[in-house]
Amino acid sequence: MKKYVILGILTLMFFVGLGIYQFFTLDSGKLQVTICDVGQGDAVVIRTPHHHTLLSDSGPDNSVMKCLGKALPFWERIGI
């Protein structure tokens, strides 16, 4: 029983640490522009300081999804 409590606390600490890391590295309060090579052209992911995300010219298939996985924090990746 005691080992499950310790495992639960360590798991909780891991996810809290991961969330804090993502918050401070991806939410810098600055305009962020990511340009993704999607094959026949480029896709542009723009994140504004007001937490809006814009995607322009995503290409003919879903190859932009890999780039979006790197450009967005994990809490905004639902469905990617």
N, C-alpha and C. Protein backbone atom coordinates (compact mmCIF):
# COMPACT_ATOMS: atom_id res chain seq x y z
N MET A 1 0.83 -1.20 0.00
CA MET A 1 0.00 0.00 0.00
C MET A 1 0.87 1.25 0.00
N LYS A 2 1.93 1.22 0.83
CA LYS A 2 2.80 2.39 0.94
C LYS A 2 3.52 2.68 -0.37
N LYS A 3 3.90 1.61 -1.11
CA LYS A 3 4.61 1.83 -2.36
C LYS A 3 3.68 2.45 -3.42
N TYR A 4 2.38 2.18 -3.37
CA TYR A 4 1.44 2.79 -4.31
C TYR A 4 1.25 4.28 -4.02
N VAL A 5 1.28 4.64 -2.76
CA VAL A 5 1.19 6.06 -2.39
C VAL A 5 2.43 6.81 -2.87
N ILE A 6 3.58 6.22 -2.66
CA ILE A 6 4.83 6.84 -3.11
C ILE A 6 4.85 6.93 -4.64
N LEU A 7 4.43 5.88 -5.32
CA LEU A 7 4.37 5.90 -6.78
C LEU A 7 3.38 6.95 -7.29
N GLY A 8 2.26 7.10 -6.62
CA GLY A 8 1.29 8.12 -6.99
C GLY A 8 1.83 9.53 -6.80
N ILE A 9 2.52 9.75 -5.70
CA ILE A 9 3.11 11.07 -5.44
C ILE A 9 4.19 11.38 -6.47
N LEU A 10 5.04 10.41 -6.81
CA LEU A 10 6.08 10.63 -7.80
C LEU A 10 5.48 10.90 -9.18
N THR A 11 4.42 10.19 -9.52
CA THR A 11 3.75 10.42 -10.80
C THR A 11 3.15 11.82 -10.85
N LEU A 12 2.51 12.22 -9.79
CA LEU A 12 1.93 13.57 -9.71
C LEU A 12 3.01 14.63 -9.82
N MET A 13 4.12 14.44 -9.14
CA MET A 13 5.23 15.39 -9.21
C MET A 13 5.79 15.48 -10.63
N PHE A 14 5.87 14.35 -11.32
CA PHE A 14 6.36 14.33 -12.70
C PHE A 14 5.46 15.17 -13.61
N PHE A 15 4.15 14.96 -13.52
CA PHE A 15 3.24 15.69 -14.39
C PHE A 15 3.17 17.18 -14.05
N VAL A 16 3.26 17.51 -12.79
CA VAL A 16 3.29 18.93 -12.40
C VAL A 16 4.57 19.57 -12.93
N GLY A 17 5.68 18.90 -12.81
CA GLY A 17 6.95 19.41 -13.33
C GLY A 17 6.91 19.57 -14.84
N LEU A 18 6.32 18.61 -15.53
CA LEU A 18 6.18 18.69 -16.98
C LEU A 18 5.32 19.87 -17.39
N GLY A 19 4.23 20.09 -16.68
CA GLY A 19 3.37 21.24 -16.97
C GLY A 19 4.07 22.57 -16.73
N ILE A 20 4.82 22.66 -15.65
CA ILE A 20 5.56 23.91 -15.36
C ILE A 20 6.61 24.15 -16.44
N TYR A 21 7.32 23.11 -16.83
CA TYR A 21 8.33 23.24 -17.88
C TYR A 21 7.69 23.72 -19.19
N GLN A 22 6.58 23.10 -19.60
CA GLN A 22 5.91 23.49 -20.84
C GLN A 22 5.39 24.92 -20.74
N PHE A 23 4.87 25.30 -19.60
CA PHE A 23 4.32 26.65 -19.44
C PHE A 23 5.41 27.71 -19.62
N PHE A 24 6.55 27.49 -19.00
CA PHE A 24 7.60 28.51 -19.07
C PHE A 24 8.39 28.49 -20.37
N THR A 25 8.46 27.36 -21.05
CA THR A 25 9.21 27.32 -22.31
C THR A 25 8.36 27.73 -23.49
N LEU A 26 7.06 27.45 -23.48
CA LEU A 26 6.23 27.74 -24.64
C LEU A 26 5.38 28.99 -24.48
N ASP A 27 5.15 29.44 -23.28
CA ASP A 27 4.37 30.66 -23.06
C ASP A 27 5.30 31.77 -22.61
N SER A 28 6.13 32.24 -23.52
CA SER A 28 7.12 33.26 -23.16
C SER A 28 6.55 34.66 -23.18
N GLY A 29 5.31 34.85 -23.66
CA GLY A 29 4.72 36.17 -23.74
C GLY A 29 5.16 36.94 -24.97
N LYS A 30 5.83 36.27 -25.89
CA LYS A 30 6.30 36.91 -27.11
C LYS A 30 5.62 36.26 -28.31
N LEU A 31 5.64 36.96 -29.43
CA LEU A 31 5.14 36.40 -30.68
C LEU A 31 6.07 35.28 -31.13
N GLN A 32 5.51 34.12 -31.41
CA GLN A 32 6.31 32.98 -31.85
C GLN A 32 5.85 32.56 -33.24
N VAL A 33 6.77 32.43 -34.17
CA VAL A 33 6.47 32.01 -35.54
C VAL A 33 7.27 30.75 -35.83
N THR A 34 6.58 29.68 -36.26
CA THR A 34 7.22 28.44 -36.63
C THR A 34 6.89 28.16 -38.09
N ILE A 35 7.91 27.90 -38.88
CA ILE A 35 7.70 27.60 -40.29
C ILE A 35 7.98 26.11 -40.49
N CYS A 36 7.01 25.40 -41.07
CA CYS A 36 7.09 23.96 -41.22
C CYS A 36 7.17 23.60 -42.71
N ASP A 37 8.09 22.71 -43.05
CA ASP A 37 8.17 22.19 -44.41
C ASP A 37 7.16 21.05 -44.53
N VAL A 38 6.15 21.22 -45.39
CA VAL A 38 5.10 20.21 -45.53
C VAL A 38 5.10 19.56 -46.90
N GLY A 39 6.21 19.61 -47.59
CA GLY A 39 6.30 18.95 -48.88
C GLY A 39 6.26 19.93 -50.03
N GLN A 40 5.07 20.24 -50.52
CA GLN A 40 4.93 21.12 -51.67
C GLN A 40 5.00 22.60 -51.32
N GLY A 41 5.13 22.94 -50.09
CA GLY A 41 5.19 24.33 -49.66
C GLY A 41 5.57 24.40 -48.20
N ASP A 42 5.20 25.48 -47.58
CA ASP A 42 5.48 25.66 -46.16
C ASP A 42 4.19 25.98 -45.43
N ALA A 43 4.12 25.56 -44.19
CA ALA A 43 3.03 25.94 -43.31
C ALA A 43 3.61 26.86 -42.24
N VAL A 44 2.84 27.84 -41.83
CA VAL A 44 3.31 28.80 -40.83
C VAL A 44 2.38 28.72 -39.63
N VAL A 45 2.96 28.48 -38.45
CA VAL A 45 2.22 28.46 -37.19
C VAL A 45 2.62 29.72 -36.42
N ILE A 46 1.64 30.56 -36.10
CA ILE A 46 1.89 31.81 -35.39
C ILE A 46 1.17 31.74 -34.05
N ARG A 47 1.91 31.96 -32.97
CA ARG A 47 1.32 32.04 -31.62
C ARG A 47 1.50 33.45 -31.12
N THR A 48 0.40 34.11 -30.79
CA THR A 48 0.46 35.50 -30.35
C THR A 48 0.67 35.58 -28.84
N PRO A 49 1.08 36.75 -28.35
CA PRO A 49 1.24 36.91 -26.90
C PRO A 49 -0.08 36.76 -26.14
N HIS A 50 -1.20 36.86 -26.84
CA HIS A 50 -2.52 36.73 -26.20
C HIS A 50 -3.06 35.31 -26.32
N HIS A 51 -2.19 34.34 -26.61
CA HIS A 51 -2.51 32.91 -26.65
C HIS A 51 -3.47 32.54 -27.77
N HIS A 52 -3.37 33.20 -28.90
CA HIS A 52 -4.10 32.79 -30.09
C HIS A 52 -3.12 32.03 -30.98
N THR A 53 -3.61 31.00 -31.64
CA THR A 53 -2.78 30.21 -32.54
C THR A 53 -3.36 30.28 -33.94
N LEU A 54 -2.52 30.63 -34.92
CA LEU A 54 -2.93 30.72 -36.31
C LEU A 54 -2.11 29.73 -37.13
N LEU A 55 -2.78 29.02 -38.04
CA LEU A 55 -2.10 28.09 -38.94
C LEU A 55 -2.43 28.52 -40.36
N SER A 56 -1.40 28.73 -41.17
CA SER A 56 -1.59 29.18 -42.54
C SER A 56 -0.94 28.20 -43.51
N ASP A 57 -1.66 27.84 -44.59
CA ASP A 57 -1.14 27.01 -45.67
C ASP A 57 -0.62 25.69 -45.15
N SER A 58 -1.52 24.83 -44.75
CA SER A 58 -1.12 23.58 -44.12
C SER A 58 -0.76 22.48 -45.10
N GLY A 59 -0.86 22.70 -46.39
CA GLY A 59 -0.44 21.70 -47.37
C GLY A 59 -1.54 20.73 -47.73
N PRO A 60 -1.26 19.80 -48.68
CA PRO A 60 -2.29 18.91 -49.20
C PRO A 60 -2.61 17.71 -48.32
N ASP A 61 -1.77 17.39 -47.37
CA ASP A 61 -2.03 16.22 -46.52
C ASP A 61 -1.79 16.59 -45.05
N ASN A 62 -1.68 15.59 -44.20
CA ASN A 62 -1.54 15.87 -42.76
C ASN A 62 -0.09 15.89 -42.29
N SER A 63 0.86 16.21 -43.17
CA SER A 63 2.27 16.25 -42.76
C SER A 63 2.58 17.40 -41.81
N VAL A 64 1.67 18.37 -41.73
CA VAL A 64 1.87 19.48 -40.80
C VAL A 64 1.66 19.05 -39.35
N MET A 65 1.03 17.92 -39.12
CA MET A 65 0.73 17.46 -37.76
C MET A 65 2.00 17.22 -36.94
N LYS A 66 3.05 16.71 -37.57
CA LYS A 66 4.30 16.46 -36.85
C LYS A 66 4.90 17.78 -36.36
N CYS A 67 4.85 18.79 -37.21
CA CYS A 67 5.38 20.10 -36.84
C CYS A 67 4.52 20.74 -35.74
N LEU A 68 3.21 20.57 -35.84
CA LEU A 68 2.32 21.13 -34.82
C LEU A 68 2.58 20.50 -33.46
N GLY A 69 2.94 19.23 -33.45
CA GLY A 69 3.26 18.56 -32.20
C GLY A 69 4.46 19.18 -31.50
N LYS A 70 5.37 19.76 -32.26
CA LYS A 70 6.54 20.41 -31.68
C LYS A 70 6.28 21.87 -31.34
N ALA A 71 5.37 22.51 -32.07
CA ALA A 71 5.15 23.94 -31.91
C ALA A 71 4.12 24.28 -30.82
N LEU A 72 3.27 23.33 -30.46
CA LEU A 72 2.21 23.59 -29.50
C LEU A 72 2.49 22.91 -28.16
N PRO A 73 2.04 23.49 -27.06
CA PRO A 73 2.18 22.80 -25.78
C PRO A 73 1.26 21.58 -25.72
N PHE A 74 1.57 20.63 -24.86
CA PHE A 74 0.85 19.38 -24.85
C PHE A 74 -0.64 19.54 -24.55
N TRP A 75 -1.04 20.56 -23.81
CA TRP A 75 -2.45 20.74 -23.47
C TRP A 75 -3.26 21.27 -24.65
N GLU A 76 -2.60 21.70 -25.74
CA GLU A 76 -3.31 22.13 -26.94
C GLU A 76 -3.21 21.12 -28.06
N ARG A 77 -2.67 19.96 -27.82
CA ARG A 77 -2.47 18.95 -28.85
C ARG A 77 -3.60 17.95 -28.94
N ILE A 78 -4.71 18.17 -28.36
CA ILE A 78 -5.82 17.24 -28.39
C ILE A 78 -6.29 17.09 -29.83
N GLY A 79 -6.33 15.87 -30.31
CA GLY A 79 -6.77 15.60 -31.67
C GLY A 79 -5.66 15.64 -32.70
N ILE A 80 -4.43 15.91 -32.29
CA ILE A 80 -3.33 15.94 -33.26
C ILE A 80 -2.70 14.58 -33.33
